[in-house]
Every structure is written in C-alpha cells, then in structure tokens.
C-alpha cells in the first residue's frame, strides 16, 4: 500500500513515522503548503517522497489529511474522485452540510471510503451503536489549559457553551472531537459542548455524557498534549495510526 499525507505538522509527523515502520506501506508521499515542513519530515523518513497532491494521487491507495479545514475543502473532492480512500483529521470541516453530503456522494460513486478517526476521545463506538436505536442527549465537556486555546486566564473559565456546530466554527483547531462525536450520534445541532479553560490544567480532558434507550454512557479521557503541538492531544495521533492499521489488517475491531 502507498500512502499520501497532506499536512506535515505534529500529527502528520507522528503518522508518517508510524507508517514508515509498517511493512505493508511501501511509499509515503508528503505534501505541505509549507515546503520547509515537508522537507523536514522527509529527512526523518526512509521511504518518503515529496510530491504535490495532484501528482501523487495516481500512485497512492489511501490519503491522510492533517492540515486544515481549508485543505479538506480543496483536496478531499480530488482524492475521492480519484477513487482513493481518505482519512480526515480536520473533521470540523464536515459541519458544512453541503461539503459533507458532496463528499459522501463522490465516495459512493467511486466506491471509496472516508475514515474519521475518533481522535482524543473514547466512547465514539458506543455513541454510534446507541444511535442505532434512540439517543436522547449527548454532551461533551472539554477542559484545556488556556494556552492551548490561545487564551490567557488566571482562573477556571467557561469560554464556550452551546452546540457542536458553533463550537467547531469558533474553535476550528481545538474541538475536532466535537465534530466526530456529532457525526457518530445526534448531529451538530443537538450535540452540546462546553469548553473550559483552566490555568492549573496540565492535560487535555474530554468527557462525554449521553443517555438514551440503551442506558447511560460516561466516558472520560485525560490526554497528554502532543510534544510537538500542545494544542493537540497525543491520542489524536494514535487514533489516526490505529486507522491505518485497521485499513491494512484483515481483522476489524469495534
């Protein structure tokens, strides 16, 4: 299998290094709008090449996006039109209903898949299963150090309270977990989100609360920040790497 990576930041680097060690992945094609970023990552890998997206599409089986919501809008249709599977990390881009439905239509037509890693939360599989019947309410409470939100507070402060659609709009780089949770469950408008900035917090905490016909669900993660990007949880990188293994391996879990 050949892999294309769009975005060579912290998560893209983690995924590329993991892919470099997977025997089933032969070549890794890198692209970043910042040429220095792709060159820096290229120097750390054994089986990577740097190519523009439109040039590597004919050679890859799967494309991994870890750049931005704008990158999803620009490149996702091209990837799917080429019949290639796509892994999206900037899941917040899919709050745009027109974009999401268009990508779905293209993927169906070209018989390819769009994979959405669970990111820095646990319990997504339970939410998705519960939604098969009756899921009444889903709430996400995210707590971060103010610095990881680009804020400066000297005491615990609720910086956002509302639905997931608005949360993703206001915090596009910090709350992709809300987008994944919404798509697994009751949608962007019904999923409620609270974002808390706490100056004494050293980890990134995500708590999911849900109830419905299935019963009650409470899932909480205390994540270590990614060493290369404190705004992101390291678990986000691990969930993306897990998707790669899931695509490759014949046994599917969850």
C-alpha atoms as a PDB file:
ATOM      1  CA  UNK A   1       0.000   0.000   0.000  1.00  0.00           C
ATOM      2  CA  UNK A   2       1.136   3.540  -0.773  1.00  0.00           C
ATOM      3  CA  UNK A   3       0.112   6.434   1.480  1.00  0.00           C
ATOM      4  CA  UNK A   4      -0.280  10.128   0.739  1.00  0.00           C
ATOM      5  CA  UNK A   5      -0.093  12.661   3.577  1.00  0.00           C
ATOM      6  CA  UNK A   6      -1.440  16.207   3.302  1.00  0.00           C
ATOM      7  CA  UNK A   7      -0.024  18.274   6.143  1.00  0.00           C
ATOM      8  CA  UNK A   8       3.335  17.655   7.801  1.00  0.00           C
ATOM      9  CA  UNK A   9       2.728  19.156  11.230  1.00  0.00           C
ATOM     10  CA  UNK A  10       2.689  17.336  14.561  1.00  0.00           C
ATOM     11  CA  UNK A  11       0.030  14.717  13.738  1.00  0.00           C
ATOM     12  CA  UNK A  12       1.224  14.261  10.160  1.00  0.00           C
ATOM     13  CA  UNK A  13       4.713  13.643  11.502  1.00  0.00           C
ATOM     14  CA  UNK A  14       3.508  11.070  14.037  1.00  0.00           C
ATOM     15  CA  UNK A  15       1.526   9.219  11.362  1.00  0.00           C
ATOM     16  CA  UNK A  16       4.347   9.332   8.802  1.00  0.00           C
ATOM     17  CA  UNK A  17       6.873   7.925  11.269  1.00  0.00           C
ATOM     18  CA  UNK A  18       4.488   5.122  12.217  1.00  0.00           C
ATOM     19  CA  UNK A  19       3.765   4.391   8.543  1.00  0.00           C
ATOM     20  CA  UNK A  20       7.499   4.311   7.840  1.00  0.00           C
ATOM     21  CA  UNK A  21       7.743   1.321  10.183  1.00  0.00           C
ATOM     22  CA  UNK A  22       4.766  -0.592   8.711  1.00  0.00           C
ATOM     23  CA  UNK A  23       5.962  -3.238   6.261  1.00  0.00           C
ATOM     24  CA  UNK A  24       2.733  -3.181   4.260  1.00  0.00           C
ATOM     25  CA  UNK A  25       3.255   0.502   3.389  1.00  0.00           C
ATOM     26  CA  UNK A  26       5.764   0.812   0.567  1.00  0.00           C
ATOM     27  CA  UNK A  27       5.948   4.536  -0.190  1.00  0.00           C
ATOM     28  CA  UNK A  28       4.808   7.658   1.675  1.00  0.00           C
ATOM     29  CA  UNK A  29       4.126  10.775  -0.387  1.00  0.00           C
ATOM     30  CA  UNK A  30       4.303  14.070   1.510  1.00  0.00           C
ATOM     31  CA  UNK A  31       2.733  17.430   0.773  1.00  0.00           C
ATOM     32  CA  UNK A  32       2.545  20.589   2.840  1.00  0.00           C
ATOM     33  CA  UNK A  33       1.862  24.153   1.767  1.00  0.00           C
ATOM     34  CA  UNK A  34       4.976  24.955   3.813  1.00  0.00           C
ATOM     35  CA  UNK A  35       7.809  23.340   1.837  1.00  0.00           C
ATOM     36  CA  UNK A  36      10.135  23.506   4.826  1.00  0.00           C
ATOM     37  CA  UNK A  37       7.727  21.327   6.845  1.00  0.00           C
ATOM     38  CA  UNK A  38       7.597  18.599   4.193  1.00  0.00           C
ATOM     39  CA  UNK A  39      11.377  18.704   3.708  1.00  0.00           C
ATOM     40  CA  UNK A  40      11.976  18.455   7.451  1.00  0.00           C
ATOM     41  CA  UNK A  41       9.690  15.411   7.729  1.00  0.00           C
ATOM     42  CA  UNK A  42      11.165  13.844   4.583  1.00  0.00           C
ATOM     43  CA  UNK A  43      14.616  13.927   6.189  1.00  0.00           C
ATOM     44  CA  UNK A  44      13.314  11.785   9.078  1.00  0.00           C
ATOM     45  CA  UNK A  45      11.823   9.008   6.933  1.00  0.00           C
ATOM     46  CA  UNK A  46      13.242   6.111   4.947  1.00  0.00           C
ATOM     47  CA  UNK A  47      10.570   5.608   2.298  1.00  0.00           C
ATOM     48  CA  UNK A  48       9.113   9.052   1.651  1.00  0.00           C
ATOM     49  CA  UNK A  49       8.890  11.308  -1.389  1.00  0.00           C
ATOM     50  CA  UNK A  50       7.693  14.907  -1.672  1.00  0.00           C
ATOM     51  CA  UNK A  51       5.047  15.478  -4.339  1.00  0.00           C
ATOM     52  CA  UNK A  52       2.045  17.764  -4.963  1.00  0.00           C
ATOM     53  CA  UNK A  53      -1.291  16.105  -4.247  1.00  0.00           C
ATOM     54  CA  UNK A  54      -2.423  16.035  -7.887  1.00  0.00           C
ATOM     55  CA  UNK A  55       0.791  14.221  -8.814  1.00  0.00           C
ATOM     56  CA  UNK A  56       0.788  11.535  -6.126  1.00  0.00           C
ATOM     57  CA  UNK A  57      -2.926  10.654  -6.437  1.00  0.00           C
ATOM     58  CA  UNK A  58      -2.322   8.132  -9.202  1.00  0.00           C
ATOM     59  CA  UNK A  59       0.232   6.293  -7.058  1.00  0.00           C
ATOM     60  CA  UNK A  60      -1.480   6.045  -3.662  1.00  0.00           C
ATOM     61  CA  UNK A  61      -4.156   3.810  -2.161  1.00  0.00           C
ATOM     62  CA  UNK A  62      -5.024   5.979   0.837  1.00  0.00           C
ATOM     63  CA  UNK A  63      -4.651   9.702   1.555  1.00  0.00           C
ATOM     64  CA  UNK A  64      -4.325  11.064   5.074  1.00  0.00           C
ATOM     65  CA  UNK A  65      -5.363  14.709   5.681  1.00  0.00           C
ATOM     66  CA  UNK A  66      -3.984  16.504   8.712  1.00  0.00           C
ATOM     67  CA  UNK A  67      -3.688  20.084   7.530  1.00  0.00           C
ATOM     68  CA  UNK A  68      -6.789  22.251   7.952  1.00  0.00           C
ATOM     69  CA  UNK A  69     -10.470  22.595   7.191  1.00  0.00           C
ATOM     70  CA  UNK A  70      -9.488  24.510   4.065  1.00  0.00           C
ATOM     71  CA  UNK A  71      -7.345  21.577   2.947  1.00  0.00           C
ATOM     72  CA  UNK A  72     -10.376  19.271   3.244  1.00  0.00           C
ATOM     73  CA  UNK A  73     -12.447  21.603   1.077  1.00  0.00           C
ATOM     74  CA  UNK A  74      -9.655  21.837  -1.503  1.00  0.00           C
ATOM     75  CA  UNK A  75      -8.326  18.291  -1.712  1.00  0.00           C
ATOM     76  CA  UNK A  76     -10.976  15.868  -0.398  1.00  0.00           C
ATOM     77  CA  UNK A  77     -13.107  16.005  -3.594  1.00  0.00           C
ATOM     78  CA  UNK A  78      -9.998  15.372  -5.741  1.00  0.00           C
ATOM     79  CA  UNK A  79      -8.927  12.404  -3.611  1.00  0.00           C
ATOM     80  CA  UNK A  80     -12.364  10.788  -3.726  1.00  0.00           C
ATOM     81  CA  UNK A  81     -12.855  11.491  -7.436  1.00  0.00           C
ATOM     82  CA  UNK A  82      -9.625   9.555  -7.968  1.00  0.00           C
ATOM     83  CA  UNK A  83     -11.240   6.611  -6.159  1.00  0.00           C
ATOM     84  CA  UNK A  84      -8.868   6.725  -3.200  1.00  0.00           C
ATOM     85  CA  UNK A  85      -9.796   6.181   0.442  1.00  0.00           C
ATOM     86  CA  UNK A  86      -9.452   9.299   2.590  1.00  0.00           C
ATOM     87  CA  UNK A  87      -8.666   9.724   6.288  1.00  0.00           C
ATOM     88  CA  UNK A  88      -9.774  13.128   7.592  1.00  0.00           C
ATOM     89  CA  UNK A  89      -8.341  14.597  10.786  1.00  0.00           C
ATOM     90  CA  UNK A  90      -9.846  18.093  10.318  1.00  0.00           C
ATOM     91  CA  UNK A  91     -13.287  16.631  10.955  1.00  0.00           C
ATOM     92  CA  UNK A  92     -14.649  20.039  11.915  1.00  0.00           C
ATOM     93  CA  UNK A  93     -14.795  20.832   8.196  1.00  0.00           C
ATOM     94  CA  UNK A  94     -17.736  18.449   7.936  1.00  0.00           C
ATOM     95  CA  UNK A  95     -20.031  20.763   9.900  1.00  0.00           C
ATOM     96  CA  UNK A  96     -20.532  22.240   6.426  1.00  0.00           C
ATOM     97  CA  UNK A  97     -23.515  20.096   5.434  1.00  0.00           C
ATOM     98  CA  UNK A  98     -23.145  20.792   1.721  1.00  0.00           C
ATOM     99  CA  UNK A  99     -19.480  19.784   1.738  1.00  0.00           C
ATOM    100  CA  UNK A 100     -20.153  16.619   3.740  1.00  0.00           C
ATOM    101  CA  UNK A 101     -23.010  15.495   1.511  1.00  0.00           C
ATOM    102  CA  UNK A 102     -20.968  16.222  -1.612  1.00  0.00           C
ATOM    103  CA  UNK A 103     -18.029  14.149  -0.328  1.00  0.00           C
ATOM    104  CA  UNK A 104     -20.422  11.325   0.568  1.00  0.00           C
ATOM    105  CA  UNK A 105     -21.891  11.371  -2.940  1.00  0.00           C
ATOM    106  CA  UNK A 106     -18.461  11.321  -4.594  1.00  0.00           C
ATOM    107  CA  UNK A 107     -17.269   8.483  -2.342  1.00  0.00           C
ATOM    108  CA  UNK A 108     -20.320   6.347  -3.110  1.00  0.00           C
ATOM    109  CA  UNK A 109     -19.964   6.955  -6.825  1.00  0.00           C
ATOM    110  CA  UNK A 110     -16.285   5.996  -6.825  1.00  0.00           C
ATOM    111  CA  UNK A 111     -16.626   3.135  -4.306  1.00  0.00           C
ATOM    112  CA  UNK A 112     -14.158   4.542  -1.779  1.00  0.00           C
ATOM    113  CA  UNK A 113     -14.292   5.281   1.942  1.00  0.00           C
ATOM    114  CA  UNK A 114     -13.936   8.342   4.170  1.00  0.00           C
ATOM    115  CA  UNK A 115     -12.403   7.398   7.524  1.00  0.00           C
ATOM    116  CA  UNK A 116     -12.859   9.647  10.572  1.00  0.00           C
ATOM    117  CA  UNK A 117     -10.508   8.817  13.476  1.00  0.00           C
ATOM    118  CA  UNK A 118     -12.034   9.095  16.938  1.00  0.00           C
ATOM    119  CA  UNK A 119      -9.264  11.492  17.919  1.00  0.00           C
ATOM    120  CA  UNK A 120      -8.670  12.361  21.547  1.00  0.00           C
ATOM    121  CA  UNK A 121     -11.838  10.801  22.986  1.00  0.00           C
ATOM    122  CA  UNK A 122     -13.078   7.340  23.855  1.00  0.00           C
ATOM    123  CA  UNK A 123     -16.647   6.125  23.608  1.00  0.00           C
ATOM    124  CA  UNK A 124     -17.326   7.056  19.973  1.00  0.00           C
ATOM    125  CA  UNK A 125     -18.098   3.414  19.179  1.00  0.00           C
ATOM    126  CA  UNK A 126     -20.677   3.338  21.988  1.00  0.00           C
ATOM    127  CA  UNK A 127     -22.320   6.567  20.812  1.00  0.00           C
ATOM    128  CA  UNK A 128     -22.526   5.242  17.254  1.00  0.00           C
ATOM    129  CA  UNK A 129     -24.056   1.961  18.421  1.00  0.00           C
ATOM    130  CA  UNK A 130     -26.546   3.726  20.717  1.00  0.00           C
ATOM    131  CA  UNK A 131     -27.671   5.970  17.869  1.00  0.00           C
ATOM    132  CA  UNK A 132     -28.928   2.900  16.005  1.00  0.00           C
ATOM    133  CA  UNK A 133     -31.941   2.993  18.361  1.00  0.00           C
ATOM    134  CA  UNK A 134     -32.741   6.058  20.472  1.00  0.00           C
ATOM    135  CA  UNK A 135     -30.120   8.509  21.714  1.00  0.00           C
ATOM    136  CA  UNK A 136     -31.712  11.333  23.689  1.00  0.00           C
ATOM    137  CA  UNK A 137     -28.862  13.609  24.682  1.00  0.00           C
ATOM    138  CA  UNK A 138     -25.093  13.892  24.108  1.00  0.00           C
ATOM    139  CA  UNK A 139     -22.826  16.398  25.842  1.00  0.00           C
ATOM    140  CA  UNK A 140     -19.079  16.970  25.503  1.00  0.00           C
ATOM    141  CA  UNK A 141     -17.123  18.819  28.186  1.00  0.00           C
ATOM    142  CA  UNK A 142     -13.585  19.750  27.132  1.00  0.00           C
ATOM    143  CA  UNK A 143     -11.069  21.240  29.562  1.00  0.00           C
ATOM    144  CA  UNK A 144      -7.740  22.652  28.421  1.00  0.00           C
ATOM    145  CA  UNK A 145      -5.023  24.955  29.641  1.00  0.00           C
ATOM    146  CA  UNK A 146      -5.770  28.457  28.296  1.00  0.00           C
ATOM    147  CA  UNK A 147      -2.518  28.458  26.297  1.00  0.00           C
ATOM    148  CA  UNK A 148      -3.694  25.528  24.183  1.00  0.00           C
ATOM    149  CA  UNK A 149      -6.773  27.581  23.273  1.00  0.00           C
ATOM    150  CA  UNK A 150      -4.731  30.686  22.523  1.00  0.00           C
ATOM    151  CA  UNK A 151      -6.224  32.351  25.614  1.00  0.00           C
ATOM    152  CA  UNK A 152      -4.901  33.807  28.868  1.00  0.00           C
ATOM    153  CA  UNK A 153      -6.960  33.318  32.032  1.00  0.00           C
ATOM    154  CA  UNK A 154      -5.857  33.314  35.673  1.00  0.00           C
ATOM    155  CA  UNK A 155      -8.812  31.217  36.851  1.00  0.00           C
ATOM    156  CA  UNK A 156     -11.059  28.423  35.581  1.00  0.00           C
ATOM    157  CA  UNK A 157     -13.313  29.951  32.897  1.00  0.00           C
ATOM    158  CA  UNK A 158     -16.043  28.555  30.649  1.00  0.00           C
ATOM    159  CA  UNK A 159     -15.100  30.003  27.255  1.00  0.00           C
ATOM    160  CA  UNK A 160     -17.863  28.355  25.247  1.00  0.00           C
ATOM    161  CA  UNK A 161     -21.236  26.750  25.869  1.00  0.00           C
ATOM    162  CA  UNK A 162     -23.535  25.804  23.023  1.00  0.00           C
ATOM    163  CA  UNK A 163     -23.971  23.277  20.245  1.00  0.00           C
ATOM    164  CA  UNK A 164     -21.212  21.487  18.371  1.00  0.00           C
ATOM    165  CA  UNK A 165     -21.776  23.375  15.129  1.00  0.00           C
ATOM    166  CA  UNK A 166     -20.958  26.696  16.782  1.00  0.00           C
ATOM    167  CA  UNK A 167     -18.106  25.166  18.788  1.00  0.00           C
ATOM    168  CA  UNK A 168     -16.399  23.934  15.630  1.00  0.00           C
ATOM    169  CA  UNK A 169     -16.847  27.326  13.971  1.00  0.00           C
ATOM    170  CA  UNK A 170     -15.339  29.229  16.897  1.00  0.00           C
ATOM    171  CA  UNK A 171     -12.561  26.770  17.744  1.00  0.00           C
ATOM    172  CA  UNK A 172     -11.680  25.075  14.414  1.00  0.00           C
ATOM    173  CA  UNK A 173      -8.276  23.827  15.601  1.00  0.00           C
ATOM    174  CA  UNK A 174      -9.245  22.722  19.093  1.00  0.00           C
ATOM    175  CA  UNK A 175     -12.534  20.845  19.033  1.00  0.00           C
ATOM    176  CA  UNK A 176     -12.473  18.301  16.179  1.00  0.00           C
ATOM    177  CA  UNK A 177     -13.614  15.747  18.763  1.00  0.00           C
ATOM    178  CA  UNK A 178     -16.993  17.537  18.849  1.00  0.00           C
ATOM    179  CA  UNK A 179     -17.362  17.018  15.113  1.00  0.00           C
ATOM    180  CA  UNK A 180     -16.609  13.297  15.290  1.00  0.00           C
ATOM    181  CA  UNK A 181     -18.958  12.887  18.253  1.00  0.00           C
ATOM    182  CA  UNK A 182     -21.739  14.743  16.404  1.00  0.00           C
ATOM    183  CA  UNK A 183     -21.442  12.599  13.291  1.00  0.00           C
ATOM    184  CA  UNK A 184     -21.491   9.416  15.378  1.00  0.00           C
ATOM    185  CA  UNK A 185     -24.550  10.496  17.340  1.00  0.00           C
ATOM    186  CA  UNK A 186     -27.263  13.142  17.223  1.00  0.00           C
ATOM    187  CA  UNK A 187     -25.683  15.656  14.854  1.00  0.00           C
ATOM    188  CA  UNK A 188     -24.018  19.066  15.093  1.00  0.00           C
ATOM    189  CA  UNK A 189     -27.087  21.000  16.218  1.00  0.00           C
ATOM    190  CA  UNK A 190     -28.164  18.645  19.019  1.00  0.00           C
ATOM    191  CA  UNK A 191     -24.745  17.726  20.439  1.00  0.00           C
ATOM    192  CA  UNK A 192     -23.992  20.122  23.290  1.00  0.00           C
ATOM    193  CA  UNK A 193     -20.455  21.329  24.032  1.00  0.00           C
ATOM    194  CA  UNK A 194     -18.825  23.109  26.944  1.00  0.00           C
ATOM    195  CA  UNK A 195     -15.216  24.301  26.626  1.00  0.00           C
ATOM    196  CA  UNK A 196     -13.380  25.194  29.824  1.00  0.00           C
ATOM    197  CA  UNK A 197     -10.033  26.972  30.139  1.00  0.00           C
ATOM    198  CA  UNK A 198      -8.245  26.061  33.364  1.00  0.00           C
ATOM    199  CA  UNK A 199      -4.762  27.520  34.088  1.00  0.00           C
ATOM    200  CA  UNK A 200      -3.865  24.708  36.510  1.00  0.00           C
ATOM    201  CA  UNK A 201      -4.734  22.000  33.964  1.00  0.00           C
ATOM    202  CA  UNK A 202      -1.694  20.171  32.554  1.00  0.00           C
ATOM    203  CA  UNK A 203      -3.642  17.672  30.463  1.00  0.00           C
ATOM    204  CA  UNK A 204      -6.410  17.936  27.871  1.00  0.00           C
ATOM    205  CA  UNK A 205      -9.612  16.458  29.261  1.00  0.00           C
ATOM    206  CA  UNK A 206     -12.634  15.334  27.238  1.00  0.00           C
ATOM    207  CA  UNK A 207     -15.742  13.999  28.954  1.00  0.00           C
ATOM    208  CA  UNK A 208     -18.702  12.544  27.037  1.00  0.00           C
ATOM    209  CA  UNK A 209     -22.095  12.196  28.725  1.00  0.00           C
ATOM    210  CA  UNK A 210     -25.010  10.537  26.949  1.00  0.00           C
ATOM    211  CA  UNK A 211     -28.260   8.767  27.691  1.00  0.00           C
ATOM    212  CA  UNK A 212     -30.980   7.062  25.701  1.00  0.00           C
ATOM    213  CA  UNK A 213     -32.828   3.791  25.315  1.00  0.00           C
ATOM    214  CA  UNK A 214     -29.523   1.898  25.666  1.00  0.00           C
ATOM    215  CA  UNK A 215     -28.895   3.321  29.159  1.00  0.00           C
ATOM    216  CA  UNK A 216     -26.282   5.890  30.210  1.00  0.00           C
ATOM    217  CA  UNK A 217     -22.758   6.466  28.985  1.00  0.00           C
ATOM    218  CA  UNK A 218     -19.957   8.388  30.646  1.00  0.00           C
ATOM    219  CA  UNK A 219     -16.530   8.331  29.026  1.00  0.00           C
ATOM    220  CA  UNK A 220     -13.608  10.497  30.106  1.00  0.00           C
ATOM    221  CA  UNK A 221     -10.090  10.909  28.780  1.00  0.00           C
ATOM    222  CA  UNK A 222      -7.196  12.837  30.306  1.00  0.00           C
ATOM    223  CA  UNK A 223      -4.814  13.304  27.413  1.00  0.00           C
ATOM    224  CA  UNK A 224      -1.173  14.211  27.363  1.00  0.00           C
ATOM    225  CA  UNK A 225      -0.512  17.068  24.919  1.00  0.00           C
ATOM    226  CA  UNK A 226       1.348  16.191  21.734  1.00  0.00           C
ATOM    227  CA  UNK A 227       5.030  17.009  22.421  1.00  0.00           C
ATOM    228  CA  UNK A 228       5.232  18.855  19.104  1.00  0.00           C
ATOM    229  CA  UNK A 229       1.937  20.745  19.423  1.00  0.00           C
ATOM    230  CA  UNK A 230       0.409  21.438  22.859  1.00  0.00           C
ATOM    231  CA  UNK A 231      -2.919  22.374  21.218  1.00  0.00           C
ATOM    232  CA  UNK A 232      -3.382  18.737  20.183  1.00  0.00           C
ATOM    233  CA  UNK A 233      -3.636  15.552  22.237  1.00  0.00           C
ATOM    234  CA  UNK A 234      -1.181  12.754  21.535  1.00  0.00           C
ATOM    235  CA  UNK A 235      -4.140  10.357  21.468  1.00  0.00           C
ATOM    236  CA  UNK A 236      -5.315  12.097  18.287  1.00  0.00           C
ATOM    237  CA  UNK A 237      -2.165  10.889  16.552  1.00  0.00           C
ATOM    238  CA  UNK A 238      -2.580   7.388  17.963  1.00  0.00           C
ATOM    239  CA  UNK A 239      -6.185   7.191  16.734  1.00  0.00           C
ATOM    240  CA  UNK A 240      -5.011   8.108  13.238  1.00  0.00           C
ATOM    241  CA  UNK A 241      -2.273   5.479  13.344  1.00  0.00           C
ATOM    242  CA  UNK A 242      -4.889   2.957  14.516  1.00  0.00           C
ATOM    243  CA  UNK A 243      -6.988   3.750  11.427  1.00  0.00           C
ATOM    244  CA  UNK A 244      -4.011   2.913   9.203  1.00  0.00           C
ATOM    245  CA  UNK A 245      -3.634  -0.464  10.899  1.00  0.00           C
ATOM    246  CA  UNK A 246      -7.372  -1.048  10.624  1.00  0.00           C
ATOM    247  CA  UNK A 247      -7.274  -0.432   6.852  1.00  0.00           C
ATOM    248  CA  UNK A 248      -4.382  -2.858   6.445  1.00  0.00           C
ATOM    249  CA  UNK A 249      -5.392  -5.632   8.828  1.00  0.00           C
ATOM    250  CA  UNK A 250      -7.986  -8.278   7.879  1.00  0.00           C
ATOM    251  CA  UNK A 251      -9.397  -8.441  11.438  1.00  0.00           C
ATOM    252  CA  UNK A 252     -11.610  -5.443  12.237  1.00  0.00           C
ATOM    253  CA  UNK A 253     -12.186  -4.487  15.876  1.00  0.00           C
ATOM    254  CA  UNK A 254     -15.128  -2.344  17.022  1.00  0.00           C
END
